[in-house]
């Protein structure tokens, strides 16, 4: 697990994979993921998971007043169920905790039951919209005390 520039080739390839999956499920108005440049502009701490040197997943978090927000958790299809995503979420939670953050929040989509189940298994609970997110029937908002 390495902290990585979101504009690096490995990160961009993983973000493109995430975007392709999300665009197949949700119309543009229901997708709130940061672009690679927004990840840089918002000072998102971004990590890439590699197995035998091959980038297989990514995730980041942005720090706001009183909480951090998980951004762009993605694992390549062949890496799902192998622990890559679990290692990524553990890494960002530990890093945020080390920065003094005590609450992690996220937004995901109703049409992503595997993601909702993954976050629930890792201790996240549903909550209402936060930050600048609008009330949106296709969004699921979750949080976890760190």
Foldseek 3Di string as FASTA:
>chain_A
DDFDQCPDPLNQVQLVVVVVVVVVPDPPVPDDADDSVVCVVQVWRKDFDDDPNHTFWIKTWGDDVQAIEIHGTGGHPVCPPVCRSVVRVVVRVVVCVVVVHFKYKYKDFPVCVVVVVVVVVVAKDWDADDDPDDGDPGITMIMHTD
